[in-house]
PDB file of all heavy atoms in Angstrom:
ATOM      1  N   TYR A   1     -13.935  26.663  18.082  1.00  0.00           N
ATOM      2  CA  TYR A   1     -14.536  25.956  16.958  1.00  0.00           C
ATOM      3  C   TYR A   1     -15.226  24.694  17.447  1.00  0.00           C
ATOM      4  O   TYR A   1     -14.909  24.171  18.512  1.00  0.00           O
ATOM      5  CB  TYR A   1     -13.470  25.570  15.924  1.00  0.00           C
ATOM      6  CG  TYR A   1     -12.702  26.751  15.389  1.00  0.00           C
ATOM      7  CD1 TYR A   1     -11.431  27.032  15.854  1.00  0.00           C
ATOM      8  CD2 TYR A   1     -13.257  27.570  14.418  1.00  0.00           C
ATOM      9  CE1 TYR A   1     -10.726  28.124  15.371  1.00  0.00           C
ATOM     10  CE2 TYR A   1     -12.555  28.644  13.927  1.00  0.00           C
ATOM     11  CZ  TYR A   1     -11.290  28.934  14.402  1.00  0.00           C
ATOM     12  OH  TYR A   1     -10.602  30.002  13.929  1.00  0.00           O
ATOM     13  N   ASP A   2     -16.112  24.199  16.627  1.00  0.00           N
ATOM     14  CA  ASP A   2     -16.734  22.893  16.880  1.00  0.00           C
ATOM     15  C   ASP A   2     -15.746  21.852  16.366  1.00  0.00           C
ATOM     16  O   ASP A   2     -15.765  21.460  15.193  1.00  0.00           O
ATOM     17  CB  ASP A   2     -18.078  22.806  16.155  1.00  0.00           C
ATOM     18  CG  ASP A   2     -18.791  21.520  16.416  1.00  0.00           C
ATOM     19  OD1 ASP A   2     -18.358  20.753  17.325  1.00  0.00           O
ATOM     20  OD2 ASP A   2     -19.779  21.256  15.721  1.00  0.00           O
ATOM     21  N   LEU A   3     -14.854  21.407  17.230  1.00  0.00           N
ATOM     22  CA  LEU A   3     -13.717  20.564  16.863  1.00  0.00           C
ATOM     23  C   LEU A   3     -13.986  19.098  17.148  1.00  0.00           C
ATOM     24  O   LEU A   3     -14.488  18.746  18.217  1.00  0.00           O
ATOM     25  CB  LEU A   3     -12.464  20.992  17.628  1.00  0.00           C
ATOM     26  CG  LEU A   3     -11.220  20.136  17.471  1.00  0.00           C
ATOM     27  CD1 LEU A   3     -10.631  20.330  16.070  1.00  0.00           C
ATOM     28  CD2 LEU A   3     -10.201  20.466  18.526  1.00  0.00           C
ATOM     29  N   THR A   4     -13.640  18.244  16.192  1.00  0.00           N
ATOM     30  CA  THR A   4     -13.610  16.805  16.392  1.00  0.00           C
ATOM     31  C   THR A   4     -12.267  16.310  15.890  1.00  0.00           C
ATOM     32  O   THR A   4     -11.864  16.646  14.775  1.00  0.00           O
ATOM     33  CB  THR A   4     -14.747  16.102  15.617  1.00  0.00           C
ATOM     34  OG1 THR A   4     -15.995  16.635  16.055  1.00  0.00           O
ATOM     35  CG2 THR A   4     -14.708  14.610  15.866  1.00  0.00           C
ATOM     36  N   VAL A   5     -11.592  15.504  16.717  1.00  0.00           N
ATOM     37  CA  VAL A   5     -10.307  14.947  16.329  1.00  0.00           C
ATOM     38  C   VAL A   5     -10.505  13.440  16.163  1.00  0.00           C
ATOM     39  O   VAL A   5     -11.009  12.762  17.048  1.00  0.00           O
ATOM     40  CB  VAL A   5      -9.214  15.224  17.378  1.00  0.00           C
ATOM     41  CG1 VAL A   5      -7.883  14.636  16.945  1.00  0.00           C
ATOM     42  CG2 VAL A   5      -9.083  16.721  17.632  1.00  0.00           C
ATOM     43  N   VAL A   6     -10.103  12.924  15.004  1.00  0.00           N
ATOM     44  CA  VAL A   6     -10.169  11.489  14.713  1.00  0.00           C
ATOM     45  C   VAL A   6      -8.760  10.947  14.853  1.00  0.00           C
ATOM     46  O   VAL A   6      -7.854  11.328  14.124  1.00  0.00           O
ATOM     47  CB  VAL A   6     -10.721  11.216  13.307  1.00  0.00           C
ATOM     48  CG1 VAL A   6     -10.722   9.746  13.010  1.00  0.00           C
ATOM     49  CG2 VAL A   6     -12.102  11.811  13.161  1.00  0.00           C
ATOM     50  N   PHE A   7      -8.579  10.054  15.832  1.00  0.00           N
ATOM     51  CA  PHE A   7      -7.273   9.418  16.040  1.00  0.00           C
ATOM     52  C   PHE A   7      -7.261   8.056  15.393  1.00  0.00           C
ATOM     53  O   PHE A   7      -8.225   7.301  15.466  1.00  0.00           O
ATOM     54  CB  PHE A   7      -6.997   9.263  17.546  1.00  0.00           C
ATOM     55  CG  PHE A   7      -6.818  10.563  18.274  1.00  0.00           C
ATOM     56  CD1 PHE A   7      -7.802  11.033  19.126  1.00  0.00           C
ATOM     57  CD2 PHE A   7      -5.673  11.319  18.111  1.00  0.00           C
ATOM     58  CE1 PHE A   7      -7.652  12.219  19.810  1.00  0.00           C
ATOM     59  CE2 PHE A   7      -5.495  12.521  18.773  1.00  0.00           C
ATOM     60  CZ  PHE A   7      -6.493  12.974  19.627  1.00  0.00           C
ATOM     61  N   LEU A   8      -6.144   7.731  14.760  1.00  0.00           N
ATOM     62  CA  LEU A   8      -6.015   6.450  14.091  1.00  0.00           C
ATOM     63  C   LEU A   8      -5.808   5.306  15.087  1.00  0.00           C
ATOM     64  O   LEU A   8      -6.177   4.175  14.812  1.00  0.00           O
ATOM     65  CB  LEU A   8      -4.870   6.474  13.088  1.00  0.00           C
ATOM     66  CG  LEU A   8      -5.015   7.536  11.990  1.00  0.00           C
ATOM     67  CD1 LEU A   8      -3.817   7.480  11.051  1.00  0.00           C
ATOM     68  CD2 LEU A   8      -6.309   7.353  11.222  1.00  0.00           C
ATOM     69  N   GLN A   9      -5.190   5.595  16.230  1.00  0.00           N
ATOM     70  CA  GLN A   9      -5.003   4.577  17.261  1.00  0.00           C
ATOM     71  C   GLN A   9      -4.843   5.247  18.610  1.00  0.00           C
ATOM     72  O   GLN A   9      -4.499   6.413  18.719  1.00  0.00           O
ATOM     73  CB  GLN A   9      -3.819   3.680  16.940  1.00  0.00           C
ATOM     74  CG  GLN A   9      -2.523   4.371  16.692  1.00  0.00           C
ATOM     75  CD  GLN A   9      -1.473   3.420  16.147  1.00  0.00           C
ATOM     76  OE1 GLN A   9      -1.733   2.265  15.869  1.00  0.00           O
ATOM     77  NE2 GLN A   9      -0.276   3.909  16.011  1.00  0.00           N
ATOM     78  N   ARG A  10      -5.107   4.467  19.667  1.00  0.00           N
ATOM     79  CA  ARG A  10      -5.058   4.998  21.025  1.00  0.00           C
ATOM     80  C   ARG A  10      -3.620   5.174  21.519  1.00  0.00           C
ATOM     81  O   ARG A  10      -3.285   6.123  22.197  1.00  0.00           O
ATOM     82  CB  ARG A  10      -5.826   4.070  21.957  1.00  0.00           C
ATOM     83  CG  ARG A  10      -6.005   4.617  23.348  1.00  0.00           C
ATOM     84  CD  ARG A  10      -6.957   3.755  24.170  1.00  0.00           C
ATOM     85  NE  ARG A  10      -8.318   3.813  23.658  1.00  0.00           N
ATOM     86  CZ  ARG A  10      -9.204   4.740  24.000  1.00  0.00           C
ATOM     87  NH1 ARG A  10      -8.853   5.723  24.810  1.00  0.00           N
ATOM     88  NH2 ARG A  10     -10.434   4.702  23.519  1.00  0.00           N
ATOM     89  N   GLU A  11      -2.773   4.233  21.187  1.00  0.00           N
ATOM     90  CA  GLU A  11      -1.367   4.318  21.591  1.00  0.00           C
ATOM     91  C   GLU A  11      -0.522   3.612  20.544  1.00  0.00           C
ATOM     92  O   GLU A  11      -1.045   2.853  19.710  1.00  0.00           O
ATOM     93  CB  GLU A  11      -1.147   3.713  22.972  1.00  0.00           C
ATOM     94  CG  GLU A  11      -1.578   2.282  23.094  1.00  0.00           C
ATOM     95  CD  GLU A  11      -1.523   1.777  24.523  1.00  0.00           C
ATOM     96  OE1 GLU A  11      -1.717   2.558  25.461  1.00  0.00           O
ATOM     97  OE2 GLU A  11      -1.268   0.581  24.678  1.00  0.00           O
ATOM     98  N   GLU A  12       0.752   3.854  20.591  1.00  0.00           N
ATOM     99  CA  GLU A  12       1.650   3.276  19.605  1.00  0.00           C
ATOM    100  C   GLU A  12       2.770   2.540  20.350  1.00  0.00           C
ATOM    101  O   GLU A  12       3.279   3.029  21.363  1.00  0.00           O
ATOM    102  CB  GLU A  12       2.239   4.386  18.725  1.00  0.00           C
ATOM    103  CG  GLU A  12       3.017   3.897  17.564  1.00  0.00           C
ATOM    104  CD  GLU A  12       3.438   5.053  16.674  1.00  0.00           C
ATOM    105  OE1 GLU A  12       3.995   6.036  17.189  1.00  0.00           O
ATOM    106  OE2 GLU A  12       3.203   4.965  15.469  1.00  0.00           O
ATOM    107  N   LYS A  13       3.144   1.393  19.856  1.00  0.00           N
ATOM    108  CA  LYS A  13       4.212   0.616  20.468  1.00  0.00           C
ATOM    109  C   LYS A  13       5.498   1.445  20.480  1.00  0.00           C
ATOM    110  O   LYS A  13       5.845   2.071  19.484  1.00  0.00           O
ATOM    111  CB  LYS A  13       4.429  -0.672  19.686  1.00  0.00           C
ATOM    112  CG  LYS A  13       5.378  -1.627  20.315  1.00  0.00           C
ATOM    113  CD  LYS A  13       5.470  -2.905  19.508  1.00  0.00           C
ATOM    114  CE  LYS A  13       6.450  -3.850  20.146  1.00  0.00           C
ATOM    115  NZ  LYS A  13       6.571  -5.086  19.387  1.00  0.00           N
ATOM    116  N   GLY A  14       6.167   1.477  21.610  1.00  0.00           N
ATOM    117  CA  GLY A  14       7.397   2.231  21.729  1.00  0.00           C
ATOM    118  C   GLY A  14       7.207   3.617  22.319  1.00  0.00           C
ATOM    119  O   GLY A  14       8.165   4.269  22.695  1.00  0.00           O
ATOM    120  N   ARG A  15       5.973   4.116  22.400  1.00  0.00           N
ATOM    121  CA  ARG A  15       5.712   5.427  23.005  1.00  0.00           C
ATOM    122  C   ARG A  15       5.527   5.220  24.510  1.00  0.00           C
ATOM    123  O   ARG A  15       4.853   4.296  24.947  1.00  0.00           O
ATOM    124  CB  ARG A  15       4.449   6.069  22.447  1.00  0.00           C
ATOM    125  CG  ARG A  15       4.487   6.294  20.977  1.00  0.00           C
ATOM    126  CD  ARG A  15       5.391   7.444  20.629  1.00  0.00           C
ATOM    127  NE  ARG A  15       5.328   7.669  19.185  1.00  0.00           N
ATOM    128  CZ  ARG A  15       6.092   8.519  18.577  1.00  0.00           C
ATOM    129  NH1 ARG A  15       6.973   9.212  19.224  1.00  0.00           N
ATOM    130  NH2 ARG A  15       5.988   8.660  17.279  1.00  0.00           N
ATOM    131  N   LEU A  16       6.127   6.085  25.289  1.00  0.00           N
ATOM    132  CA  LEU A  16       6.097   5.909  26.745  1.00  0.00           C
ATOM    133  C   LEU A  16       4.903   6.571  27.416  1.00  0.00           C
ATOM    134  O   LEU A  16       4.621   6.299  28.565  1.00  0.00           O
ATOM    135  CB  LEU A  16       7.403   6.449  27.344  1.00  0.00           C
ATOM    136  CG  LEU A  16       8.666   5.737  26.872  1.00  0.00           C
ATOM    137  CD1 LEU A  16       9.893   6.397  27.481  1.00  0.00           C
ATOM    138  CD2 LEU A  16       8.627   4.269  27.196  1.00  0.00           C
ATOM    139  N   TRP A  17       4.209   7.477  26.744  1.00  0.00           N
ATOM    140  CA  TRP A  17       3.114   8.170  27.390  1.00  0.00           C
ATOM    141  C   TRP A  17       1.816   7.398  27.313  1.00  0.00           C
ATOM    142  O   TRP A  17       1.571   6.637  26.401  1.00  0.00           O
ATOM    143  CB  TRP A  17       2.936   9.569  26.831  1.00  0.00           C
ATOM    144  CG  TRP A  17       2.656   9.631  25.362  1.00  0.00           C
ATOM    145  CD1 TRP A  17       1.542   9.214  24.707  1.00  0.00           C
ATOM    146  CD2 TRP A  17       3.531  10.133  24.354  1.00  0.00           C
ATOM    147  NE1 TRP A  17       1.642   9.437  23.366  1.00  0.00           N
ATOM    148  CE2 TRP A  17       2.848   9.995  23.110  1.00  0.00           C
ATOM    149  CE3 TRP A  17       4.791  10.696  24.357  1.00  0.00           C
ATOM    150  CZ2 TRP A  17       3.419  10.402  21.922  1.00  0.00           C
ATOM    151  CZ3 TRP A  17       5.320  11.083  23.155  1.00  0.00           C
ATOM    152  CH2 TRP A  17       4.656  10.943  21.973  1.00  0.00           C
ATOM    153  N   LYS A  18       0.991   7.591  28.321  1.00  0.00           N
ATOM    154  CA  LYS A  18      -0.356   7.007  28.379  1.00  0.00           C
ATOM    155  C   LYS A  18      -1.327   8.148  28.575  1.00  0.00           C
ATOM    156  O   LYS A  18      -1.258   8.883  29.550  1.00  0.00           O
ATOM    157  CB  LYS A  18      -0.482   6.027  29.554  1.00  0.00           C
ATOM    158  CG  LYS A  18       0.506   4.890  29.531  1.00  0.00           C
ATOM    159  CD  LYS A  18       0.139   3.864  28.500  1.00  0.00           C
ATOM    160  CE  LYS A  18       1.063   2.671  28.633  1.00  0.00           C
ATOM    161  NZ  LYS A  18       1.371   2.046  27.409  1.00  0.00           N
ATOM    162  N   ILE A  19      -2.253   8.316  27.656  1.00  0.00           N
ATOM    163  CA  ILE A  19      -3.232   9.395  27.709  1.00  0.00           C
ATOM    164  C   ILE A  19      -4.556   8.793  28.186  1.00  0.00           C
ATOM    165  O   ILE A  19      -5.049   7.822  27.617  1.00  0.00           O
ATOM    166  CB  ILE A  19      -3.425  10.034  26.317  1.00  0.00           C
ATOM    167  CG1 ILE A  19      -2.103  10.554  25.768  1.00  0.00           C
ATOM    168  CG2 ILE A  19      -4.474  11.138  26.379  1.00  0.00           C
ATOM    169  CD1 ILE A  19      -1.466  11.661  26.543  1.00  0.00           C
ATOM    170  N   LYS A  20      -5.124   9.379  29.222  1.00  0.00           N
ATOM    171  CA  LYS A  20      -6.418   8.919  29.742  1.00  0.00           C
ATOM    172  C   LYS A  20      -7.527   9.688  29.011  1.00  0.00           C
ATOM    173  O   LYS A  20      -7.353  10.822  28.591  1.00  0.00           O
ATOM    174  CB  LYS A  20      -6.487   9.178  31.238  1.00  0.00           C
ATOM    175  CG  LYS A  20      -5.456   8.391  32.023  1.00  0.00           C
ATOM    176  CD  LYS A  20      -5.613   8.678  33.502  1.00  0.00           C
ATOM    177  CE  LYS A  20      -4.661   7.834  34.307  1.00  0.00           C
ATOM    178  NZ  LYS A  20      -3.307   8.329  34.322  1.00  0.00           N
ATOM    179  N   ASP A  21      -8.696   9.049  28.898  1.00  0.00           N
ATOM    180  CA  ASP A  21      -9.822   9.673  28.194  1.00  0.00           C
ATOM    181  C   ASP A  21     -10.234  11.000  28.821  1.00  0.00           C
ATOM    182  O   ASP A  21     -10.664  11.909  28.120  1.00  0.00           O
ATOM    183  CB  ASP A  21     -11.014   8.720  28.154  1.00  0.00           C
ATOM    184  CG  ASP A  21     -10.798   7.609  27.142  1.00  0.00           C
ATOM    185  OD1 ASP A  21      -9.854   7.690  26.339  1.00  0.00           O
ATOM    186  OD2 ASP A  21     -11.587   6.650  27.161  1.00  0.00           O
ATOM    187  N   LYS A  22     -10.101  11.141  30.142  1.00  0.00           N
ATOM    188  CA  LYS A  22     -10.511  12.389  30.790  1.00  0.00           C
ATOM    189  C   LYS A  22      -9.613  13.562  30.395  1.00  0.00           C
ATOM    190  O   LYS A  22      -9.994  14.713  30.524  1.00  0.00           O
ATOM    191  CB  LYS A  22     -10.566  12.238  32.305  1.00  0.00           C
ATOM    192  CG  LYS A  22      -9.216  12.007  32.956  1.00  0.00           C
ATOM    193  CD  LYS A  22      -9.349  11.873  34.453  1.00  0.00           C
ATOM    194  CE  LYS A  22      -7.982  11.641  35.069  1.00  0.00           C
ATOM    195  NZ  LYS A  22      -8.058  11.525  36.506  1.00  0.00           N
ATOM    196  N   GLU A  23      -8.403  13.276  29.903  1.00  0.00           N
ATOM    197  CA  GLU A  23      -7.514  14.341  29.426  1.00  0.00           C
ATOM    198  C   GLU A  23      -7.922  14.852  28.055  1.00  0.00           C
ATOM    199  O   GLU A  23      -7.490  15.905  27.631  1.00  0.00           O
ATOM    200  CB  GLU A  23      -6.074  13.820  29.370  1.00  0.00           C
ATOM    201  CG  GLU A  23      -5.492  13.437  30.716  1.00  0.00           C
ATOM    202  CD  GLU A  23      -4.101  12.872  30.610  1.00  0.00           C
ATOM    203  OE1 GLU A  23      -3.254  13.503  29.949  1.00  0.00           O
ATOM    204  OE2 GLU A  23      -3.875  11.791  31.162  1.00  0.00           O
ATOM    205  N   LEU A  24      -8.763  14.107  27.363  1.00  0.00           N
ATOM    206  CA  LEU A  24      -9.243  14.486  26.047  1.00  0.00           C
ATOM    207  C   LEU A  24     -10.584  15.199  26.210  1.00  0.00           C
ATOM    208  O   LEU A  24     -11.634  14.647  25.934  1.00  0.00           O
ATOM    209  CB  LEU A  24      -9.386  13.259  25.146  1.00  0.00           C
ATOM    210  CG  LEU A  24      -8.139  12.398  24.963  1.00  0.00           C
ATOM    211  CD1 LEU A  24      -8.482  11.132  24.207  1.00  0.00           C
ATOM    212  CD2 LEU A  24      -7.059  13.176  24.253  1.00  0.00           C
ATOM    213  N   ASN A  25     -10.538  16.417  26.683  1.00  0.00           N
ATOM    214  CA  ASN A  25     -11.777  17.151  26.965  1.00  0.00           C
ATOM    215  C   ASN A  25     -12.243  17.948  25.740  1.00  0.00           C
ATOM    216  O   ASN A  25     -12.571  19.120  25.825  1.00  0.00           O
ATOM    217  CB  ASN A  25     -11.630  18.029  28.194  1.00  0.00           C
ATOM    218  CG  ASN A  25     -10.424  18.940  28.129  1.00  0.00           C
ATOM    219  OD1 ASN A  25      -9.689  18.909  27.161  1.00  0.00           O
ATOM    220  ND2 ASN A  25     -10.250  19.741  29.143  1.00  0.00           N
TER     221      ASN A  25
END
């Protein structure tokens, strides 16, 4: 599908993971 995901924020306080932009392909 022609998919677009709208995220409300890049990270959340208390979350341990860090997502890099290159992982969002």
